[in-house]
N, C-alpha and C. Protein backbone atom coordinates (compact mmCIF):
# COMPACT_ATOMS: atom_id res chain seq x y z
N MET A 1 6.69 95.08 33.51
CA MET A 1 7.36 95.01 34.80
C MET A 1 6.40 95.51 35.87
N TRP A 2 6.35 94.75 36.93
CA TRP A 2 5.50 95.11 38.06
C TRP A 2 6.33 95.85 39.10
N THR A 3 5.71 96.81 39.78
CA THR A 3 6.36 97.35 40.96
C THR A 3 6.13 96.32 42.06
N GLU A 4 6.89 96.42 43.13
CA GLU A 4 6.71 95.47 44.22
C GLU A 4 5.32 95.58 44.81
N GLN A 5 4.82 96.80 44.93
CA GLN A 5 3.48 97.02 45.48
C GLN A 5 2.42 96.40 44.58
N GLU A 6 2.54 96.60 43.27
CA GLU A 6 1.58 96.00 42.33
C GLU A 6 1.63 94.48 42.41
N ALA A 7 2.81 93.93 42.48
CA ALA A 7 2.95 92.47 42.56
C ALA A 7 2.30 91.92 43.82
N ARG A 8 2.43 92.65 44.92
CA ARG A 8 1.79 92.21 46.17
C ARG A 8 0.27 92.24 46.02
N GLU A 9 -0.23 93.34 45.45
CA GLU A 9 -1.68 93.52 45.34
C GLU A 9 -2.30 92.55 44.33
N ARG A 10 -1.54 92.13 43.32
CA ARG A 10 -2.07 91.29 42.24
C ARG A 10 -1.29 89.98 42.13
N LEU A 11 -0.93 89.42 43.28
CA LEU A 11 -0.11 88.21 43.32
C LEU A 11 -0.71 87.07 42.51
N ALA A 12 -2.02 86.87 42.60
CA ALA A 12 -2.66 85.77 41.86
C ALA A 12 -2.41 85.94 40.35
N GLU A 13 -2.53 87.16 39.85
CA GLU A 13 -2.31 87.41 38.42
C GLU A 13 -0.84 87.20 38.05
N VAL A 14 0.06 87.65 38.90
CA VAL A 14 1.49 87.44 38.65
C VAL A 14 1.78 85.95 38.54
N LEU A 15 1.24 85.16 39.46
CA LEU A 15 1.47 83.72 39.46
C LEU A 15 0.82 83.04 38.26
N GLN A 16 -0.37 83.46 37.89
CA GLN A 16 -1.05 82.88 36.73
C GLN A 16 -0.26 83.13 35.45
N ARG A 17 0.23 84.34 35.29
CA ARG A 17 1.01 84.67 34.09
C ARG A 17 2.33 83.88 34.05
N ALA A 18 2.97 83.75 35.21
CA ALA A 18 4.20 82.97 35.26
C ALA A 18 3.93 81.51 34.91
N GLU A 19 2.83 80.97 35.43
CA GLU A 19 2.45 79.58 35.14
C GLU A 19 2.14 79.40 33.65
N ALA A 20 1.66 80.45 33.00
CA ALA A 20 1.35 80.39 31.57
C ALA A 20 2.61 80.50 30.70
N GLY A 21 3.76 80.65 31.36
CA GLY A 21 5.02 80.70 30.62
C GLY A 21 5.56 82.09 30.39
N GLU A 22 4.95 83.09 30.99
CA GLU A 22 5.42 84.47 30.86
C GLU A 22 6.20 84.86 32.11
N PRO A 23 7.50 84.98 32.05
CA PRO A 23 8.25 85.44 33.23
C PRO A 23 7.74 86.81 33.66
N GLN A 24 7.57 86.99 34.95
CA GLN A 24 7.05 88.25 35.48
C GLN A 24 8.16 88.98 36.23
N PHE A 25 8.50 90.16 35.76
CA PHE A 25 9.57 90.94 36.36
C PHE A 25 8.98 91.83 37.45
N VAL A 26 9.57 91.74 38.64
CA VAL A 26 9.09 92.52 39.78
C VAL A 26 10.22 93.43 40.23
N GLY A 27 10.00 94.73 40.09
CA GLY A 27 11.04 95.68 40.45
C GLY A 27 12.26 95.48 39.57
N GLU A 28 13.40 95.89 40.07
CA GLU A 28 14.64 95.77 39.32
C GLU A 28 15.37 94.46 39.57
N THR A 29 14.93 93.69 40.59
CA THR A 29 15.72 92.52 40.97
C THR A 29 14.99 91.20 40.94
N GLY A 30 13.67 91.20 40.80
CA GLY A 30 12.94 89.94 40.92
C GLY A 30 12.33 89.46 39.63
N VAL A 31 12.27 88.14 39.48
CA VAL A 31 11.60 87.51 38.35
C VAL A 31 10.83 86.32 38.91
N VAL A 32 9.56 86.21 38.52
CA VAL A 32 8.75 85.06 38.92
C VAL A 32 8.58 84.19 37.69
N ILE A 33 8.97 82.91 37.82
CA ILE A 33 8.81 81.96 36.73
C ILE A 33 8.02 80.76 37.24
N SER A 34 7.52 79.96 36.33
CA SER A 34 6.74 78.79 36.73
C SER A 34 7.66 77.73 37.34
N ARG A 35 7.06 76.83 38.09
CA ARG A 35 7.82 75.72 38.67
C ARG A 35 8.41 74.85 37.56
N ALA A 36 7.67 74.67 36.47
CA ALA A 36 8.16 73.87 35.35
C ALA A 36 9.40 74.51 34.72
N GLU A 37 9.37 75.83 34.54
CA GLU A 37 10.52 76.52 33.97
C GLU A 37 11.71 76.44 34.92
N TYR A 38 11.46 76.57 36.21
CA TYR A 38 12.53 76.45 37.20
C TYR A 38 13.16 75.05 37.13
N ALA A 39 12.31 74.02 37.05
CA ALA A 39 12.82 72.65 36.98
C ALA A 39 13.64 72.45 35.70
N ARG A 40 13.18 73.03 34.58
CA ARG A 40 13.92 72.91 33.33
C ARG A 40 15.29 73.56 33.44
N LEU A 41 15.33 74.75 34.04
CA LEU A 41 16.61 75.46 34.20
C LEU A 41 17.54 74.71 35.15
N LYS A 42 17.00 74.17 36.23
CA LYS A 42 17.84 73.42 37.17
C LYS A 42 18.40 72.17 36.51
N ALA A 43 17.62 71.52 35.66
CA ALA A 43 18.07 70.31 34.98
C ALA A 43 19.23 70.62 34.03
N MET A 44 19.31 71.85 33.54
CA MET A 44 20.39 72.23 32.64
C MET A 44 21.70 72.45 33.37
N GLU A 45 21.65 72.60 34.68
CA GLU A 45 22.87 72.84 35.47
C GLU A 45 23.63 71.53 35.67
N THR A 46 24.50 71.23 34.75
CA THR A 46 25.34 70.05 34.89
C THR A 46 26.79 70.51 34.87
N ASP A 47 27.67 69.61 35.19
CA ASP A 47 29.10 69.95 35.16
C ASP A 47 29.53 70.40 33.77
N GLU A 48 28.91 69.86 32.74
CA GLU A 48 29.34 70.18 31.38
C GLU A 48 28.82 71.53 30.90
N THR A 49 27.69 72.00 31.43
CA THR A 49 27.13 73.25 30.93
C THR A 49 27.58 74.47 31.74
N HIS A 50 28.00 74.29 32.96
CA HIS A 50 28.44 75.42 33.77
C HIS A 50 29.91 75.71 33.45
N PRO A 51 30.22 76.89 32.91
CA PRO A 51 31.60 77.16 32.47
C PRO A 51 32.64 77.00 33.58
N GLY A 52 32.33 77.46 34.77
CA GLY A 52 33.29 77.35 35.87
C GLY A 52 33.56 75.91 36.24
N ARG A 53 32.50 75.13 36.33
CA ARG A 53 32.67 73.70 36.66
C ARG A 53 33.44 72.98 35.56
N TRP A 54 33.14 73.32 34.29
CA TRP A 54 33.84 72.70 33.16
C TRP A 54 35.33 73.00 33.24
N LEU A 55 35.68 74.25 33.52
CA LEU A 55 37.09 74.62 33.60
C LEU A 55 37.80 73.88 34.72
N VAL A 56 37.18 73.82 35.89
CA VAL A 56 37.80 73.13 37.02
C VAL A 56 37.99 71.65 36.69
N LYS A 57 36.99 71.04 36.10
CA LYS A 57 37.06 69.61 35.78
C LYS A 57 38.11 69.31 34.72
N HIS A 58 38.17 70.11 33.66
CA HIS A 58 39.02 69.79 32.52
C HIS A 58 40.41 70.40 32.57
N LEU A 59 40.60 71.42 33.34
CA LEU A 59 41.90 72.08 33.35
C LEU A 59 42.70 71.84 34.63
N ALA A 60 42.13 71.13 35.55
CA ALA A 60 42.78 70.93 36.85
C ALA A 60 44.11 70.19 36.74
N GLY A 61 44.23 69.26 35.82
CA GLY A 61 45.44 68.46 35.72
C GLY A 61 46.53 69.05 34.85
N LEU A 62 46.34 70.24 34.37
CA LEU A 62 47.33 70.83 33.47
C LEU A 62 48.58 71.34 34.18
N GLY A 63 48.50 71.56 35.45
CA GLY A 63 49.64 72.10 36.18
C GLY A 63 49.70 73.61 36.06
N GLU A 64 50.90 74.13 36.16
CA GLU A 64 51.09 75.58 36.09
C GLU A 64 50.93 76.09 34.67
N ILE A 65 50.35 77.24 34.54
CA ILE A 65 50.19 77.88 33.23
C ILE A 65 51.23 78.99 33.14
N GLU A 66 51.99 78.98 32.08
CA GLU A 66 53.00 80.02 31.89
C GLU A 66 52.35 81.23 31.24
N LEU A 67 52.38 82.33 31.94
CA LEU A 67 51.80 83.57 31.43
C LEU A 67 52.86 84.40 30.73
N PRO A 68 52.47 85.18 29.72
CA PRO A 68 53.46 86.02 29.04
C PRO A 68 53.99 87.10 29.96
N SER A 69 55.16 87.57 29.64
CA SER A 69 55.81 88.61 30.42
C SER A 69 54.98 89.89 30.42
N ARG A 70 55.09 90.66 31.46
CA ARG A 70 54.40 91.96 31.55
C ARG A 70 55.39 93.11 31.36
N ASP A 71 56.47 92.86 30.66
CA ASP A 71 57.48 93.89 30.43
C ASP A 71 56.90 95.09 29.70
N GLU A 72 57.53 96.22 29.90
CA GLU A 72 57.08 97.46 29.26
C GLU A 72 57.14 97.36 27.74
N ASP A 73 58.10 96.62 27.19
CA ASP A 73 58.28 96.57 25.74
C ASP A 73 57.38 95.54 25.05
N ARG A 74 56.51 94.89 25.81
CA ARG A 74 55.60 93.92 25.22
C ARG A 74 54.55 94.65 24.38
N PRO A 75 54.40 94.30 23.11
CA PRO A 75 53.44 94.99 22.26
C PRO A 75 52.00 94.66 22.67
N SER A 76 51.12 95.62 22.52
CA SER A 76 49.71 95.41 22.82
C SER A 76 49.03 94.77 21.62
N PRO A 77 48.30 93.69 21.82
CA PRO A 77 47.60 93.07 20.70
C PRO A 77 46.41 93.91 20.21
N PHE A 78 46.06 94.95 20.97
CA PHE A 78 44.92 95.78 20.61
C PHE A 78 45.34 97.17 20.13
N ALA A 79 46.61 97.37 19.90
CA ALA A 79 47.12 98.70 19.56
C ALA A 79 46.47 99.30 18.33
N ASP A 80 46.15 98.48 17.33
CA ASP A 80 45.61 99.03 16.09
C ASP A 80 44.08 98.91 16.00
N TRP A 81 43.42 98.56 17.06
CA TRP A 81 41.97 98.38 17.00
C TRP A 81 41.23 99.67 16.70
N GLY A 82 41.74 100.80 17.11
CA GLY A 82 41.08 102.07 16.82
C GLY A 82 41.09 102.39 15.34
N ASP A 83 41.98 101.77 14.58
CA ASP A 83 42.09 102.02 13.15
C ASP A 83 41.18 101.11 12.33
N ARG A 84 40.55 100.14 12.94
CA ARG A 84 39.74 99.15 12.21
C ARG A 84 38.33 99.66 11.94
N ASP A 85 37.74 99.20 10.87
CA ASP A 85 36.42 99.62 10.43
C ASP A 85 35.31 98.80 11.07
N PHE A 86 35.50 97.50 11.24
CA PHE A 86 34.52 96.56 11.81
C PHE A 86 33.18 96.61 11.08
N GLY A 87 33.19 96.87 9.77
CA GLY A 87 31.98 96.83 8.96
C GLY A 87 31.04 98.00 9.12
N ARG A 88 31.52 99.09 9.68
CA ARG A 88 30.65 100.27 9.85
C ARG A 88 30.44 100.98 8.57
């Protein structure tokens, strides 16, 4: 991970490494990737692969969804989870 100052001072190296296929992390919020990797990721963004778009497209015609009651006496489906081993 590069600090922002290091990335500024060594921009050519950051870009060369990104072009070689190594994502370069800058600070806590930035990532530099190659143009080819960016194009590949953008090409993957279709209606079928984006969960939100898929839901809107496929569930829009269902109408109203009936949700279960929120009454106090409704049992919790997770009530016994603290008692489970889960392979530990």
